[in-house]
Structure formats: structure tokens, C-alpha cells
Amino acid sequence: MSGVTDTLISIIFIISAGLMILILLKLRQRNLLVSAGNFDENYSGEAKDPGQFEEPDDDALDEMQELLDLASE
């Protein structure tokens, strides 16, 4: 009976060690991205100025008109 218990405990330890290694690798990758400036830890996902998209500018309207003209052909 102790052989089965030892084997089961060994499997549990191996799985937990594997999970810890994966977590450490993910943390390392995130820290590398932060140090390279490609990732901000305080990223919230919100637009800095959401009001800027309420009214389109003239360039955007011209591009939209061109796309509509191409689509209607």
C-alpha cells in the first residue's frame, strides 16, 4: 500500500513543480516585456481621451467616402 501512496505523492509533487515552473516563466516573460518598454503594468484598457472619437475629422470623412465609392462600384 505504501508503494501506491509514494507514487501518488511523487506524481502530485511533479505536477506542482511543473506548474510553479510555468508560473515563474510567465512572470519572467512579463518582466522582460516591462523592462523593454513594451508593456505597462498600469494598463487599464481605457482610452486616454474617448471624446476624440465622437466627431470624425475631415480626413476620416474623405477616406470613408472613398471607401463607400469603391464599394458601390
N, C-alpha and C. Protein backbone atom coordinates (compact mmCIF):
# COMPACT_ATOMS: atom_id res chain seq x y z
N MET A 1 0.81 -1.19 0.00
CA MET A 1 0.00 0.00 0.00
C MET A 1 0.86 1.26 0.00
N SER A 2 2.01 1.21 0.66
CA SER A 2 2.85 2.41 0.72
C SER A 2 3.47 2.72 -0.64
N GLY A 3 3.62 1.72 -1.51
CA GLY A 3 4.15 1.94 -2.84
C GLY A 3 3.23 2.81 -3.67
N VAL A 4 1.92 2.56 -3.56
CA VAL A 4 0.92 3.35 -4.29
C VAL A 4 0.89 4.78 -3.76
N THR A 5 0.95 4.91 -2.43
CA THR A 5 0.93 6.23 -1.81
C THR A 5 2.16 7.03 -2.21
N ASP A 6 3.32 6.40 -2.17
CA ASP A 6 4.55 7.09 -2.56
C ASP A 6 4.50 7.53 -4.02
N THR A 7 3.98 6.69 -4.87
CA THR A 7 3.87 7.02 -6.29
C THR A 7 2.90 8.18 -6.49
N LEU A 8 1.78 8.15 -5.81
CA LEU A 8 0.79 9.21 -5.92
C LEU A 8 1.35 10.54 -5.43
N ILE A 9 2.04 10.53 -4.31
CA ILE A 9 2.64 11.75 -3.78
C ILE A 9 3.72 12.27 -4.72
N SER A 10 4.49 11.37 -5.30
CA SER A 10 5.52 11.79 -6.26
C SER A 10 4.90 12.46 -7.49
N ILE A 11 3.80 11.91 -7.97
CA ILE A 11 3.11 12.50 -9.13
C ILE A 11 2.57 13.87 -8.79
N ILE A 12 2.00 14.01 -7.60
CA ILE A 12 1.48 15.31 -7.17
C ILE A 12 2.61 16.32 -7.07
N PHE A 13 3.74 15.94 -6.52
CA PHE A 13 4.89 16.84 -6.41
C PHE A 13 5.42 17.24 -7.79
N ILE A 14 5.46 16.31 -8.72
CA ILE A 14 5.95 16.60 -10.06
C ILE A 14 5.01 17.58 -10.77
N ILE A 15 3.72 17.37 -10.64
CA ILE A 15 2.75 18.28 -11.26
C ILE A 15 2.84 19.67 -10.65
N SER A 16 2.94 19.76 -9.32
CA SER A 16 3.02 21.07 -8.68
C SER A 16 4.33 21.77 -9.04
N ALA A 17 5.42 21.04 -9.16
CA ALA A 17 6.68 21.65 -9.58
C ALA A 17 6.58 22.17 -11.01
N GLY A 18 5.93 21.41 -11.88
CA GLY A 18 5.74 21.86 -13.25
C GLY A 18 4.92 23.13 -13.33
N LEU A 19 3.85 23.20 -12.53
CA LEU A 19 3.02 24.40 -12.50
C LEU A 19 3.80 25.61 -11.97
N MET A 20 4.61 25.41 -10.96
CA MET A 20 5.41 26.51 -10.43
C MET A 20 6.42 27.00 -11.46
N ILE A 21 7.00 26.09 -12.22
CA ILE A 21 7.94 26.49 -13.26
C ILE A 21 7.23 27.30 -14.34
N LEU A 22 6.03 26.88 -14.73
CA LEU A 22 5.27 27.64 -15.72
C LEU A 22 4.94 29.05 -15.22
N ILE A 23 4.55 29.16 -13.97
CA ILE A 23 4.23 30.47 -13.40
C ILE A 23 5.47 31.35 -13.38
N LEU A 24 6.60 30.80 -13.00
CA LEU A 24 7.84 31.58 -12.98
C LEU A 24 8.24 32.02 -14.38
N LEU A 25 8.06 31.16 -15.36
CA LEU A 25 8.39 31.54 -16.74
C LEU A 25 7.48 32.65 -17.25
N LYS A 26 6.19 32.61 -16.90
CA LYS A 26 5.26 33.67 -17.30
C LYS A 26 5.64 34.99 -16.63
N LEU A 27 6.00 34.95 -15.36
CA LEU A 27 6.42 36.16 -14.67
C LEU A 27 7.69 36.72 -15.28
N ARG A 28 8.62 35.85 -15.64
CA ARG A 28 9.87 36.28 -16.27
C ARG A 28 9.59 36.96 -17.61
N GLN A 29 8.69 36.38 -18.40
CA GLN A 29 8.36 36.94 -19.70
C GLN A 29 7.71 38.32 -19.54
N ARG A 30 6.81 38.45 -18.56
CA ARG A 30 6.17 39.75 -18.33
C ARG A 30 7.19 40.78 -17.88
N ASN A 31 8.11 40.39 -17.01
CA ASN A 31 9.13 41.32 -16.56
C ASN A 31 10.06 41.75 -17.69
N LEU A 32 10.36 40.83 -18.61
CA LEU A 32 11.17 41.19 -19.77
C LEU A 32 10.44 42.20 -20.65
N LEU A 33 9.13 42.02 -20.84
CA LEU A 33 8.36 42.96 -21.64
C LEU A 33 8.28 44.33 -20.96
N VAL A 34 8.13 44.34 -19.65
CA VAL A 34 8.08 45.61 -18.92
C VAL A 34 9.41 46.34 -19.02
N SER A 35 10.50 45.62 -18.86
CA SER A 35 11.81 46.27 -18.91
C SER A 35 12.15 46.76 -20.32
N ALA A 36 11.58 46.12 -21.35
CA ALA A 36 11.81 46.56 -22.72
C ALA A 36 10.89 47.71 -23.11
N GLY A 37 9.93 48.03 -22.26
CA GLY A 37 9.01 49.13 -22.53
C GLY A 37 7.84 48.74 -23.40
N ASN A 38 7.61 47.47 -23.63
CA ASN A 38 6.52 47.02 -24.48
C ASN A 38 5.24 46.76 -23.71
N PHE A 39 5.27 46.90 -22.41
CA PHE A 39 4.12 46.55 -21.60
C PHE A 39 4.11 47.46 -20.38
N ASP A 40 2.96 48.02 -20.09
CA ASP A 40 2.82 48.90 -18.93
C ASP A 40 2.04 48.16 -17.86
N GLU A 41 2.60 48.09 -16.66
CA GLU A 41 1.94 47.35 -15.57
C GLU A 41 0.63 48.02 -15.16
N ASN A 42 0.50 49.32 -15.42
CA ASN A 42 -0.70 50.04 -15.01
C ASN A 42 -1.71 50.15 -16.15
N TYR A 43 -1.64 49.30 -17.14
CA TYR A 43 -2.54 49.35 -18.29
C TYR A 43 -3.96 49.04 -17.85
N SER A 44 -4.88 49.93 -18.18
CA SER A 44 -6.27 49.73 -17.79
C SER A 44 -7.15 49.36 -18.97
N GLY A 45 -6.71 49.63 -20.20
CA GLY A 45 -7.50 49.31 -21.37
C GLY A 45 -8.44 50.43 -21.76
N GLU A 46 -8.50 51.50 -20.98
CA GLU A 46 -9.40 52.61 -21.29
C GLU A 46 -8.71 53.60 -22.23
N ALA A 47 -9.51 54.25 -23.05
CA ALA A 47 -8.97 55.27 -23.96
C ALA A 47 -8.52 56.48 -23.14
N LYS A 48 -7.43 57.10 -23.57
CA LYS A 48 -6.94 58.28 -22.85
C LYS A 48 -7.90 59.45 -23.01
N ASP A 49 -8.44 59.61 -24.22
CA ASP A 49 -9.38 60.69 -24.49
C ASP A 49 -10.51 60.12 -25.35
N PRO A 50 -11.53 59.50 -24.74
CA PRO A 50 -12.57 58.86 -25.54
C PRO A 50 -13.41 59.86 -26.34
N GLY A 51 -13.42 61.10 -25.95
CA GLY A 51 -14.20 62.11 -26.66
C GLY A 51 -13.66 62.43 -28.04
N GLN A 52 -12.40 62.12 -28.30
CA GLN A 52 -11.81 62.45 -29.59
C GLN A 52 -12.43 61.65 -30.73
N PHE A 53 -13.11 60.57 -30.42
CA PHE A 53 -13.70 59.73 -31.45
C PHE A 53 -15.18 60.03 -31.69
N GLU A 54 -15.74 60.98 -30.96
CA GLU A 54 -17.15 61.29 -31.13
C GLU A 54 -17.42 62.00 -32.45
N GLU A 55 -16.56 62.90 -32.85
CA GLU A 55 -16.71 63.63 -34.10
C GLU A 55 -15.55 63.28 -35.03
N PRO A 56 -15.85 62.75 -36.24
CA PRO A 56 -14.76 62.42 -37.16
C PRO A 56 -14.16 63.69 -37.77
N ASP A 57 -12.88 63.63 -38.08
CA ASP A 57 -12.24 64.76 -38.72
C ASP A 57 -12.45 64.68 -40.23
N ASP A 58 -12.03 65.71 -40.96
CA ASP A 58 -12.26 65.78 -42.40
C ASP A 58 -11.54 64.66 -43.15
N ASP A 59 -10.33 64.32 -42.71
CA ASP A 59 -9.58 63.25 -43.38
C ASP A 59 -10.31 61.91 -43.26
N ALA A 60 -10.86 61.65 -42.09
CA ALA A 60 -11.58 60.40 -41.88
C ALA A 60 -12.84 60.35 -42.74
N LEU A 61 -13.53 61.48 -42.86
CA LEU A 61 -14.73 61.52 -43.70
C LEU A 61 -14.39 61.32 -45.17
N ASP A 62 -13.27 61.92 -45.62
CA ASP A 62 -12.84 61.74 -47.01
C ASP A 62 -12.50 60.28 -47.29
N GLU A 63 -11.78 59.65 -46.36
CA GLU A 63 -11.44 58.24 -46.54
C GLU A 63 -12.69 57.37 -46.57
N MET A 64 -13.64 57.67 -45.71
CA MET A 64 -14.87 56.89 -45.68
C MET A 64 -15.63 57.05 -46.99
N GLN A 65 -15.66 58.27 -47.53
CA GLN A 65 -16.35 58.50 -48.80
C GLN A 65 -15.68 57.72 -49.93
N GLU A 66 -14.33 57.70 -49.93
CA GLU A 66 -13.61 56.93 -50.94
C GLU A 66 -13.92 55.43 -50.83
N LEU A 67 -13.96 54.92 -49.61
CA LEU A 67 -14.29 53.51 -49.41
C LEU A 67 -15.72 53.19 -49.87
N LEU A 68 -16.63 54.09 -49.57
CA LEU A 68 -18.01 53.88 -49.99
C LEU A 68 -18.15 53.92 -51.51
N ASP A 69 -17.38 54.83 -52.13
CA ASP A 69 -17.40 54.90 -53.59
C ASP A 69 -16.84 53.63 -54.21
N LEU A 70 -15.74 53.11 -53.64
CA LEU A 70 -15.16 51.86 -54.15
C LEU A 70 -16.10 50.70 -53.95
N ALA A 71 -16.80 50.67 -52.84
CA ALA A 71 -17.69 49.55 -52.55
C ALA A 71 -18.93 49.59 -53.45
N SER A 72 -19.33 50.76 -53.88
CA SER A 72 -20.55 50.87 -54.70
C SER A 72 -20.28 50.54 -56.17
N GLU A 73 -19.02 50.48 -56.57
CA GLU A 73 -18.68 50.18 -57.97
C GLU A 73 -18.83 48.72 -58.27
